[in-house]
Amino acid sequence: MDYYEFFKNKETNISININVSDLLLFGERIAEMTAKSVLERHEEKMYTGEEVSEKFKVSDTTLWRWHKEGIIKRKKIGNRIYYPETEIKRLCHIKGDNR
């Protein structure tokens, strides 16, 4: 059952029982929708960690370390992490990579 659609279409107060796995799926859907909405309103292109790791040919751990060391800034939207395009371009310039 798609709880999001169920809740969206109900106008009355109800009590329901939901199993944990369905509740987690519901939460993940809400998080995805929120992240998508924020990204669509954001003027700057944002990249996922996977995209940035692939571009610079580094692991997720290296990307995390770069953030901790202040080498690259990131933004957390919901429970997802994104890297602004300006940060990618800045890092390309520092590394001499003009892709």
Protein backbone atom coordinates (compact mmCIF):
# COMPACT_ATOMS: atom_id res chain seq x y z
CA MET A 1 0.00 0.00 0.00
CA ASP A 2 1.21 3.50 -0.79
CA TYR A 3 0.70 5.33 2.50
CA TYR A 4 1.55 8.71 1.03
CA GLU A 5 -1.39 8.53 -1.40
CA PHE A 6 -3.60 7.09 1.33
CA PHE A 7 -2.85 9.95 3.74
CA LYS A 8 -3.03 12.56 0.99
CA ASN A 9 -6.57 11.55 0.04
CA LYS A 10 -8.05 11.27 3.55
CA GLU A 11 -9.74 14.25 5.14
CA THR A 12 -10.85 12.66 8.40
CA ASN A 13 -8.97 11.73 11.56
CA ILE A 14 -8.25 8.02 11.60
CA SER A 15 -6.17 5.57 13.60
CA ILE A 16 -4.15 2.95 11.76
CA ASN A 17 -1.50 0.35 12.47
CA ILE A 18 1.58 0.46 10.25
CA ASN A 19 4.41 -2.04 10.29
CA VAL A 20 7.94 -0.69 10.66
CA SER A 21 9.08 -1.51 7.12
CA ASP A 22 6.11 0.34 5.60
CA LEU A 23 6.77 3.32 7.89
CA LEU A 24 10.42 3.41 6.77
CA LEU A 25 9.37 3.33 3.12
CA PHE A 26 6.91 6.15 3.78
CA GLY A 27 9.67 8.21 5.44
CA GLU A 28 12.07 7.56 2.56
CA ARG A 29 9.45 8.68 0.04
CA ILE A 30 8.83 11.90 1.96
CA ALA A 31 12.61 12.53 2.16
CA GLU A 32 13.03 11.93 -1.58
CA MET A 33 10.14 14.25 -2.42
CA THR A 34 11.55 16.94 -0.12
CA ALA A 35 15.05 16.68 -1.59
CA LYS A 36 13.66 16.78 -5.13
CA SER A 37 11.56 19.84 -4.33
CA VAL A 38 14.50 21.69 -2.76
CA LEU A 39 16.80 20.82 -5.65
CA GLU A 40 14.23 21.99 -8.21
CA ARG A 41 13.98 25.38 -6.45
CA HIS A 42 17.73 25.67 -6.09
CA GLU A 43 19.28 27.77 -8.85
CA GLU A 44 22.64 26.01 -8.77
CA LYS A 45 23.12 22.47 -10.03
CA MET A 46 23.87 20.02 -7.25
CA TYR A 47 25.76 16.74 -7.55
CA THR A 48 25.48 13.57 -5.51
CA GLY A 49 28.48 12.12 -3.73
CA GLU A 50 28.52 9.29 -6.25
CA GLU A 51 28.76 11.76 -9.15
CA VAL A 52 31.57 13.72 -7.47
CA SER A 53 33.47 10.56 -6.52
CA GLU A 54 33.25 9.35 -10.10
CA LYS A 55 34.36 12.71 -11.54
CA PHE A 56 37.46 12.93 -9.35
CA LYS A 57 38.02 9.16 -9.26
CA VAL A 58 38.08 9.04 -5.46
CA SER A 59 36.25 6.94 -2.88
CA ASP A 60 33.35 8.08 -0.70
CA THR A 61 35.78 8.06 2.22
CA THR A 62 38.11 10.49 0.44
CA LEU A 63 35.17 12.77 -0.34
CA TRP A 64 34.15 12.68 3.33
CA ARG A 65 37.75 13.49 4.38
CA TRP A 66 37.92 16.39 1.88
CA HIS A 67 34.79 17.82 3.48
CA LYS A 68 36.18 17.39 7.01
CA GLU A 69 39.46 19.09 5.96
CA GLY A 70 37.57 21.99 4.34
CA ILE A 71 38.64 21.10 0.81
CA ILE A 72 35.06 20.88 -0.47
CA LYS A 73 31.76 22.18 0.87
CA ARG A 74 28.57 20.20 0.75
CA LYS A 75 24.90 20.71 1.55
CA LYS A 76 22.63 18.33 3.37
CA ILE A 77 19.07 18.25 2.07
CA GLY A 78 16.87 15.93 4.07
CA ASN A 79 19.12 12.97 4.77
CA ARG A 80 20.97 13.30 1.47
CA ILE A 81 24.26 15.08 0.79
CA TYR A 82 24.85 17.17 -2.32
CA TYR A 83 27.81 19.12 -3.67
CA PRO A 84 27.19 22.50 -5.35
CA GLU A 85 28.46 22.97 -8.89
CA THR A 86 30.55 25.98 -7.78
CA GLU A 87 32.47 23.68 -5.43
CA ILE A 88 33.08 21.15 -8.21
CA LYS A 89 34.33 23.88 -10.57
CA ARG A 90 36.53 25.37 -7.83
CA LEU A 91 38.07 21.99 -7.08
CA CYS A 92 38.61 21.31 -10.81
CA HIS A 93 40.44 24.64 -11.06
CA ILE A 94 42.65 23.80 -8.07
CA LYS A 95 43.43 20.35 -9.47
CA GLY A 96 44.04 21.77 -12.96
CA ASP A 97 41.15 19.72 -14.34
CA ASN A 98 39.08 21.83 -16.74
CA ARG A 99 36.45 19.21 -17.53
